[in-house]
PDB file of N, CA and C in Angstrom:
ATOM      1  N   UNK A   1       1.929 -43.120 -17.569  1.00  0.00           N
ATOM      2  CA  UNK A   1       1.929 -41.717 -17.205  1.00  0.00           C
ATOM      3  C   UNK A   1       2.710 -41.551 -15.911  1.00  0.00           C
ATOM      4  N   UNK A   2       3.623 -40.616 -15.898  1.00  0.00           N
ATOM      5  CA  UNK A   2       4.448 -40.407 -14.714  1.00  0.00           C
ATOM      6  C   UNK A   2       3.763 -39.447 -13.763  1.00  0.00           C
ATOM      7  N   UNK A   3       3.846 -39.719 -12.479  1.00  0.00           N
ATOM      8  CA  UNK A   3       3.299 -38.826 -11.461  1.00  0.00           C
ATOM      9  C   UNK A   3       4.278 -37.706 -11.153  1.00  0.00           C
ATOM     10  N   UNK A   4       3.833 -36.758 -10.381  1.00  0.00           N
ATOM     11  CA  UNK A   4       4.685 -35.628 -10.021  1.00  0.00           C
ATOM     12  C   UNK A   4       5.932 -36.072  -9.276  1.00  0.00           C
ATOM     13  N   UNK A   5       5.786 -37.047  -8.413  1.00  0.00           N
ATOM     14  CA  UNK A   5       6.926 -37.504  -7.632  1.00  0.00           C
ATOM     15  C   UNK A   5       7.985 -38.137  -8.523  1.00  0.00           C
ATOM     16  N   UNK A   6       7.573 -38.667  -9.659  1.00  0.00           N
ATOM     17  CA  UNK A   6       8.502 -39.336 -10.558  1.00  0.00           C
ATOM     18  C   UNK A   6       9.142 -38.382 -11.555  1.00  0.00           C
ATOM     19  N   UNK A   7       8.636 -37.177 -11.664  1.00  0.00           N
ATOM     20  CA  UNK A   7       9.129 -36.291 -12.707  1.00  0.00           C
ATOM     21  C   UNK A   7      10.399 -35.542 -12.307  1.00  0.00           C
ATOM     22  N   UNK A   8      10.877 -35.715 -11.119  1.00  0.00           N
ATOM     23  CA  UNK A   8      12.114 -35.063 -10.698  1.00  0.00           C
ATOM     24  C   UNK A   8      11.841 -33.777  -9.945  1.00  0.00           C
ATOM     25  N   UNK A   9      12.889 -33.242  -9.365  1.00  0.00           N
ATOM     26  CA  UNK A   9      12.706 -32.017  -8.576  1.00  0.00           C
ATOM     27  C   UNK A   9      12.389 -30.823  -9.469  1.00  0.00           C
ATOM     28  N   UNK A  10      11.581 -29.955  -8.961  1.00  0.00           N
ATOM     29  CA  UNK A  10      11.275 -28.731  -9.701  1.00  0.00           C
ATOM     30  C   UNK A  10      11.928 -27.558  -8.982  1.00  0.00           C
ATOM     31  N   UNK A  11      12.138 -26.517  -9.712  1.00  0.00           N
ATOM     32  CA  UNK A  11      12.739 -25.318  -9.124  1.00  0.00           C
ATOM     33  C   UNK A  11      11.758 -24.701  -8.134  1.00  0.00           C
ATOM     34  N   UNK A  12      12.251 -24.252  -6.997  1.00  0.00           N
ATOM     35  CA  UNK A  12      11.350 -23.632  -6.026  1.00  0.00           C
ATOM     36  C   UNK A  12      10.780 -22.330  -6.583  1.00  0.00           C
ATOM     37  N   UNK A  13       9.549 -22.079  -6.231  1.00  0.00           N
ATOM     38  CA  UNK A  13       8.915 -20.828  -6.660  1.00  0.00           C
ATOM     39  C   UNK A  13       9.610 -19.659  -5.980  1.00  0.00           C
ATOM     40  N   UNK A  14       9.819 -18.616  -6.721  1.00  0.00           N
ATOM     41  CA  UNK A  14      10.448 -17.441  -6.129  1.00  0.00           C
ATOM     42  C   UNK A  14       9.372 -16.423  -5.791  1.00  0.00           C
ATOM     43  N   UNK A  15       9.545 -15.792  -4.689  1.00  0.00           N
ATOM     44  CA  UNK A  15       8.593 -14.795  -4.224  1.00  0.00           C
ATOM     45  C   UNK A  15       9.394 -13.607  -3.709  1.00  0.00           C
ATOM     46  N   UNK A  16       9.222 -12.471  -4.342  1.00  0.00           N
ATOM     47  CA  UNK A  16       9.920 -11.291  -3.861  1.00  0.00           C
ATOM     48  C   UNK A  16       8.955 -10.473  -3.018  1.00  0.00           C
ATOM     49  N   UNK A  17       9.405 -10.075  -1.880  1.00  0.00           N
ATOM     50  CA  UNK A  17       8.596  -9.264  -0.981  1.00  0.00           C
ATOM     51  C   UNK A  17       9.042  -7.816  -1.082  1.00  0.00           C
ATOM     52  N   UNK A  18       8.079  -6.917  -1.139  1.00  0.00           N
ATOM     53  CA  UNK A  18       8.473  -5.506  -1.204  1.00  0.00           C
ATOM     54  C   UNK A  18       9.091  -5.055   0.113  1.00  0.00           C
ATOM     55  N   UNK A  19      10.031  -4.155   0.016  1.00  0.00           N
ATOM     56  CA  UNK A  19      10.648  -3.576   1.207  1.00  0.00           C
ATOM     57  C   UNK A  19      10.079  -2.180   1.412  1.00  0.00           C
ATOM     58  N   UNK A  20       9.761  -1.853   2.651  1.00  0.00           N
ATOM     59  CA  UNK A  20       9.214  -0.544   2.995  1.00  0.00           C
ATOM     60  C   UNK A  20      10.179   0.123   3.963  1.00  0.00           C
ATOM     61  N   UNK A  21      11.142   0.841   3.425  1.00  0.00           N
ATOM     62  CA  UNK A  21      12.176   1.478   4.231  1.00  0.00           C
ATOM     63  C   UNK A  21      12.026   2.986   4.139  1.00  0.00           C
ATOM     64  N   UNK A  22      11.712   3.608   5.267  1.00  0.00           N
ATOM     65  CA  UNK A  22      11.499   5.054   5.325  1.00  0.00           C
ATOM     66  C   UNK A  22      12.771   5.805   4.960  1.00  0.00           C
ATOM     67  N   UNK A  23      12.623   6.816   4.101  1.00  0.00           N
ATOM     68  CA  UNK A  23      13.730   7.701   3.771  1.00  0.00           C
ATOM     69  C   UNK A  23      13.383   9.122   4.199  1.00  0.00           C
ATOM     70  N   UNK A  24      12.229   9.618   3.768  1.00  0.00           N
ATOM     71  CA  UNK A  24      11.774  10.949   4.146  1.00  0.00           C
ATOM     72  C   UNK A  24      10.259  11.026   3.946  1.00  0.00           C
ATOM     73  N   UNK A  25       9.639  12.013   4.561  1.00  0.00           N
ATOM     74  CA  UNK A  25       8.203  12.201   4.395  1.00  0.00           C
ATOM     75  C   UNK A  25       7.873  12.340   2.918  1.00  0.00           C
ATOM     76  N   UNK A  26       6.801  11.732   2.506  1.00  0.00           N
ATOM     77  CA  UNK A  26       6.295  11.746   1.129  1.00  0.00           C
ATOM     78  C   UNK A  26       7.221  11.035   0.140  1.00  0.00           C
ATOM     79  N   UNK A  27       8.099  10.155   0.646  1.00  0.00           N
ATOM     80  CA  UNK A  27       8.911   9.378  -0.285  1.00  0.00           C
ATOM     81  C   UNK A  27       8.014   8.329  -0.969  1.00  0.00           C
ATOM     82  N   UNK A  28       8.560   7.528  -1.815  1.00  0.00           N
ATOM     83  CA  UNK A  28       7.787   6.524  -2.539  1.00  0.00           C
ATOM     84  C   UNK A  28       8.154   5.121  -2.073  1.00  0.00           C
ATOM     85  N   UNK A  29       8.497   5.001  -0.799  1.00  0.00           N
ATOM     86  CA  UNK A  29       8.956   3.725  -0.262  1.00  0.00           C
ATOM     87  C   UNK A  29       7.985   3.101   0.727  1.00  0.00           C
ATOM     88  N   UNK A  30       6.869   3.769   0.994  1.00  0.00           N
ATOM     89  CA  UNK A  30       5.971   3.312   2.048  1.00  0.00           C
ATOM     90  C   UNK A  30       4.866   2.372   1.581  1.00  0.00           C
ATOM     91  N   UNK A  31       4.184   1.812   2.559  1.00  0.00           N
ATOM     92  CA  UNK A  31       3.096   0.874   2.304  1.00  0.00           C
ATOM     93  C   UNK A  31       1.954   1.532   1.535  1.00  0.00           C
ATOM     94  N   UNK A  32       1.541   2.744   1.938  1.00  0.00           N
ATOM     95  CA  UNK A  32       0.423   3.380   1.248  1.00  0.00           C
ATOM     96  C   UNK A  32       0.785   3.744  -0.193  1.00  0.00           C
ATOM     97  N   UNK A  33       2.029   4.105  -0.435  1.00  0.00           N
ATOM     98  CA  UNK A  33       2.447   4.357  -1.817  1.00  0.00           C
ATOM     99  C   UNK A  33       2.417   3.060  -2.620  1.00  0.00           C
ATOM    100  N   UNK A  34       2.870   1.992  -2.020  1.00  0.00           N
ATOM    101  CA  UNK A  34       2.853   0.686  -2.681  1.00  0.00           C
ATOM    102  C   UNK A  34       1.423   0.278  -3.031  1.00  0.00           C
ATOM    103  N   UNK A  35       0.511   0.434  -2.072  1.00  0.00           N
ATOM    104  CA  UNK A  35      -0.887   0.089  -2.328  1.00  0.00           C
ATOM    105  C   UNK A  35      -1.502   1.018  -3.367  1.00  0.00           C
ATOM    106  N   UNK A  36      -1.180   2.308  -3.279  1.00  0.00           N
ATOM    107  CA  UNK A  36      -1.736   3.289  -4.196  1.00  0.00           C
ATOM    108  C   UNK A  36      -1.231   3.181  -5.617  1.00  0.00           C
ATOM    109  N   UNK A  37      -0.129   2.484  -5.811  1.00  0.00           N
ATOM    110  CA  UNK A  37       0.398   2.250  -7.161  1.00  0.00           C
ATOM    111  C   UNK A  37       0.205   0.794  -7.579  1.00  0.00           C
ATOM    112  N   UNK A  38      -0.606   0.082  -6.824  1.00  0.00           N
ATOM    113  CA  UNK A  38      -0.874  -1.335  -7.098  1.00  0.00           C
ATOM    114  C   UNK A  38       0.418  -2.107  -7.292  1.00  0.00           C
ATOM    115  N   UNK A  39       1.260  -1.989  -6.286  1.00  0.00           N
ATOM    116  CA  UNK A  39       2.541  -2.705  -6.323  1.00  0.00           C
ATOM    117  C   UNK A  39       3.568  -2.046  -7.216  1.00  0.00           C
ATOM    118  N   UNK A  40       3.508  -0.719  -7.294  1.00  0.00           N
ATOM    119  CA  UNK A  40       4.432   0.075  -8.117  1.00  0.00           C
ATOM    120  C   UNK A  40       4.304  -0.232  -9.608  1.00  0.00           C
ATOM    121  N   UNK A  41       3.070  -0.564 -10.035  1.00  0.00           N
ATOM    122  CA  UNK A  41       2.840  -0.881 -11.450  1.00  0.00           C
ATOM    123  C   UNK A  41       1.910   0.108 -12.139  1.00  0.00           C
ATOM    124  N   UNK A  42       1.262   0.994 -11.390  1.00  0.00           N
ATOM    125  CA  UNK A  42       0.282   1.925 -11.948  1.00  0.00           C
ATOM    126  C   UNK A  42       0.553   3.331 -11.414  1.00  0.00           C
ATOM    127  N   UNK A  43       0.003   4.347 -12.059  1.00  0.00           N
ATOM    128  CA  UNK A  43       0.101   5.696 -11.496  1.00  0.00           C
ATOM    129  C   UNK A  43      -0.582   5.725 -10.122  1.00  0.00           C
ATOM    130  N   UNK A  44      -0.076   6.573  -9.235  1.00  0.00           N
ATOM    131  CA  UNK A  44      -0.562   6.611  -7.863  1.00  0.00           C
ATOM    132  C   UNK A  44      -1.995   7.123  -7.764  1.00  0.00           C
ATOM    133  N   UNK A  45      -2.766   6.450  -6.910  1.00  0.00           N
ATOM    134  CA  UNK A  45      -4.096   6.895  -6.501  1.00  0.00           C
ATOM    135  C   UNK A  45      -4.135   6.800  -4.980  1.00  0.00           C
ATOM    136  N   UNK A  46      -4.871   7.682  -4.333  1.00  0.00           N
ATOM    137  CA  UNK A  46      -5.029   7.587  -2.888  1.00  0.00           C
ATOM    138  C   UNK A  46      -5.757   6.275  -2.589  1.00  0.00           C
ATOM    139  N   UNK A  47      -5.118   5.350  -1.861  1.00  0.00           N
ATOM    140  CA  UNK A  47      -5.734   4.041  -1.649  1.00  0.00           C
ATOM    141  C   UNK A  47      -7.038   4.093  -0.848  1.00  0.00           C
ATOM    142  N   UNK A  48      -7.202   5.083   0.020  1.00  0.00           N
ATOM    143  CA  UNK A  48      -8.465   5.203   0.756  1.00  0.00           C
ATOM    144  C   UNK A  48      -9.578   5.695  -0.166  1.00  0.00           C
ATOM    145  N   UNK A  49      -9.263   6.661  -1.016  1.00  0.00           N
ATOM    146  CA  UNK A  49     -10.267   7.174  -1.946  1.00  0.00           C
ATOM    147  C   UNK A  49     -10.612   6.150  -3.022  1.00  0.00           C
ATOM    148  N   UNK A  50      -9.672   5.271  -3.353  1.00  0.00           N
ATOM    149  CA  UNK A  50      -9.928   4.216  -4.333  1.00  0.00           C
ATOM    150  C   UNK A  50     -10.702   3.049  -3.719  1.00  0.00           C
ATOM    151  N   UNK A  51     -10.820   3.024  -2.380  1.00  0.00           N
ATOM    152  CA  UNK A  51     -11.546   1.950  -1.715  1.00  0.00           C
ATOM    153  C   UNK A  51     -10.715   0.733  -1.390  1.00  0.00           C
ATOM    154  N   UNK A  52      -9.393   0.840  -1.503  1.00  0.00           N
ATOM    155  CA  UNK A  52      -8.519  -0.303  -1.238  1.00  0.00           C
ATOM    156  C   UNK A  52      -8.177  -0.441   0.237  1.00  0.00           C
ATOM    157  N   UNK A  53      -8.251   0.635   0.997  1.00  0.00           N
ATOM    158  CA  UNK A  53      -8.083   0.622   2.449  1.00  0.00           C
ATOM    159  C   UNK A  53      -9.170   1.519   3.035  1.00  0.00           C
ATOM    160  N   UNK A  54      -9.441   1.346   4.307  1.00  0.00           N
ATOM    161  CA  UNK A  54     -10.410   2.196   4.990  1.00  0.00           C
ATOM    162  C   UNK A  54      -9.676   3.079   5.981  1.00  0.00           C
ATOM    163  N   UNK A  55      -9.855   4.376   5.852  1.00  0.00           N
ATOM    164  CA  UNK A  55      -9.254   5.331   6.780  1.00  0.00           C
ATOM    165  C   UNK A  55     -10.383   5.911   7.637  1.00  0.00           C
ATOM    166  N   UNK A  56     -10.214   5.868   8.937  1.00  0.00           N
ATOM    167  CA  UNK A  56     -11.208   6.438   9.840  1.00  0.00           C
ATOM    168  C   UNK A  56     -10.512   7.310  10.873  1.00  0.00           C
ATOM    169  N   UNK A  57     -11.287   8.224  11.467  1.00  0.00           N
ATOM    170  CA  UNK A  57     -10.785   9.072  12.544  1.00  0.00           C
ATOM    171  C   UNK A  57     -11.833   9.116  13.636  1.00  0.00           C
ATOM    172  N   UNK A  58     -11.420   9.541  14.803  1.00  0.00           N
ATOM    173  CA  UNK A  58     -12.347   9.590  15.938  1.00  0.00           C
ATOM    174  C   UNK A  58     -13.408  10.663  15.757  1.00  0.00           C
ATOM    175  N   UNK A  59     -13.097  11.716  15.020  1.00  0.00           N
ATOM    176  CA  UNK A  59     -14.045  12.790  14.754  1.00  0.00           C
ATOM    177  C   UNK A  59     -13.532  13.600  13.567  1.00  0.00           C
ATOM    178  N   UNK A  60     -14.346  14.507  13.096  1.00  0.00           N
ATOM    179  CA  UNK A  60     -13.968  15.342  11.956  1.00  0.00           C
ATOM    180  C   UNK A  60     -13.959  16.806  12.376  1.00  0.00           C
ATOM    181  N   UNK A  61     -12.877  17.511  12.108  1.00  0.00           N
ATOM    182  CA  UNK A  61     -12.821  18.949  12.319  1.00  0.00           C
ATOM    183  C   UNK A  61     -12.363  19.626  11.030  1.00  0.00           C
ATOM    184  N   UNK A  62     -11.212  19.218  10.526  1.00  0.00           N
ATOM    185  CA  UNK A  62     -10.696  19.778   9.268  1.00  0.00           C
ATOM    186  C   UNK A  62     -10.148  18.640   8.419  1.00  0.00           C
ATOM    187  N   UNK A  63     -10.323  18.755   7.122  1.00  0.00           N
ATOM    188  CA  UNK A  63      -9.847  17.708   6.230  1.00  0.00           C
ATOM    189  C   UNK A  63     -10.765  16.513   6.246  1.00  0.00           C
ATOM    190  N   UNK A  64     -10.253  15.402   5.755  1.00  0.00           N
ATOM    191  CA  UNK A  64     -11.035  14.163   5.735  1.00  0.00           C
ATOM    192  C   UNK A  64     -10.130  12.987   6.076  1.00  0.00           C
ATOM    193  N   UNK A  65     -10.716  11.875   6.425  1.00  0.00           N
ATOM    194  CA  UNK A  65      -9.943  10.713   6.863  1.00  0.00           C
ATOM    195  C   UNK A  65      -8.972  10.238   5.783  1.00  0.00           C
ATOM    196  N   UNK A  66      -9.365  10.314   4.519  1.00  0.00           N
ATOM    197  CA  UNK A  66      -8.480   9.834   3.455  1.00  0.00           C
ATOM    198  C   UNK A  66      -7.230  10.693   3.291  1.00  0.00           C
ATOM    199  N   UNK A  67      -7.193  11.868   3.935  1.00  0.00           N
ATOM    200  CA  UNK A  67      -5.961  12.667   3.927  1.00  0.00           C
ATOM    201  C   UNK A  67      -4.812  11.893   4.561  1.00  0.00           C
ATOM    202  N   UNK A  68      -5.126  10.962   5.451  1.00  0.00           N
ATOM    203  CA  UNK A  68      -4.104  10.178   6.141  1.00  0.00           C
ATOM    204  C   UNK A  68      -3.289   9.319   5.180  1.00  0.00           C
ATOM    205  N   UNK A  69      -3.896   8.931   4.067  1.00  0.00           N
ATOM    206  CA  UNK A  69      -3.197   8.090   3.092  1.00  0.00           C
ATOM    207  C   UNK A  69      -2.827   8.860   1.836  1.00  0.00           C
ATOM    208  N   UNK A  70      -2.986  10.162   1.860  1.00  0.00           N
ATOM    209  CA  UNK A  70      -2.717  10.992   0.683  1.00  0.00           C
ATOM    210  C   UNK A  70      -1.259  11.360   0.520  1.00  0.00           C
ATOM    211  N   UNK A  71      -0.949  12.007  -0.579  1.00  0.00           N
ATOM    212  CA  UNK A  71       0.418  12.412  -0.900  1.00  0.00           C
ATOM    213  C   UNK A  71       0.647  13.898  -0.755  1.00  0.00           C
ATOM    214  N   UNK A  72      -0.387  14.657  -0.431  1.00  0.00           N
ATOM    215  CA  UNK A  72      -0.253  16.100  -0.310  1.00  0.00           C
ATOM    216  C   UNK A  72      -0.298  16.520   1.153  1.00  0.00           C
ATOM    217  N   UNK A  73       0.660  17.318   1.605  1.00  0.00           N
ATOM    218  CA  UNK A  73       0.557  17.861   2.965  1.00  0.00           C
ATOM    219  C   UNK A  73      -0.700  18.728   3.061  1.00  0.00           C
ATOM    220  N   UNK A  74      -1.436  18.588   4.143  1.00  0.00           N
ATOM    221  CA  UNK A  74      -2.671  19.349   4.287  1.00  0.00           C
ATOM    222  C   UNK A  74      -3.008  19.506   5.772  1.00  0.00           C
ATOM    223  N   UNK A  75      -3.908  20.425   6.037  1.00  0.00           N
ATOM    224  CA  UNK A  75      -4.414  20.621   7.395  1.00  0.00           C
ATOM    225  C   UNK A  75      -5.542  19.598   7.604  1.00  0.00           C
ATOM    226  N   UNK A  76      -5.307  18.664   8.457  1.00  0.00           N
ATOM    227  CA  UNK A  76      -6.293  17.621   8.725  1.00  0.00           C
ATOM    228  C   UNK A  76      -6.242  17.314  10.213  1.00  0.00           C
ATOM    229  N   UNK A  77      -7.371  17.498  10.896  1.00  0.00           N
ATOM    230  CA  UNK A  77      -7.358  17.262  12.341  1.00  0.00           C
ATOM    231  C   UNK A  77      -8.738  16.846  12.821  1.00  0.00           C
ATOM    232  N   UNK A  78      -8.786  16.377  14.052  1.00  0.00           N
ATOM    233  CA  UNK A  78     -10.028  15.935  14.671  1.00  0.00           C
ATOM    234  C   UNK A  78     -10.406  16.894  15.794  1.00  0.00           C
ATOM    235  N   UNK A  79     -11.564  16.665  16.402  1.00  0.00           N
ATOM    236  CA  UNK A  79     -12.023  17.462  17.531  1.00  0.00           C
ATOM    237  C   UNK A  79     -11.290  17.086  18.824  1.00  0.00           C
ATOM    238  N   UNK A  80     -10.633  15.984  18.847  1.00  0.00           N
ATOM    239  CA  UNK A  80     -10.013  15.494  20.089  1.00  0.00           C
ATOM    240  C   UNK A  80      -8.617  16.028  20.269  1.00  0.00           C
TER     241      UNK A  80
END
C-alpha cells in the first residue's frame, strides 16, 4: 500500500474569496448582502432577523437594530 508521500504531488486546493467592493448604497456587493444570501446562493434575508449576525444599538428611539443590516431605507435612530 502506498502512502500519501509516495502517491505524487496533488493539485493545490483552490479557495475563492468573495470581494466586497462598494459601488453605491444598497448595492449587492457588501458583506451583509453576502451573508443575507448565504454566499450569493439563496434569496436575500436580513441576516440580523435570520439570527446569523447580532445587531445592537445603544438605545431605541425609532426603528429597530436589525434595520442596520436591512435592504430598505428607513427612519432608524437612537436616543443618543
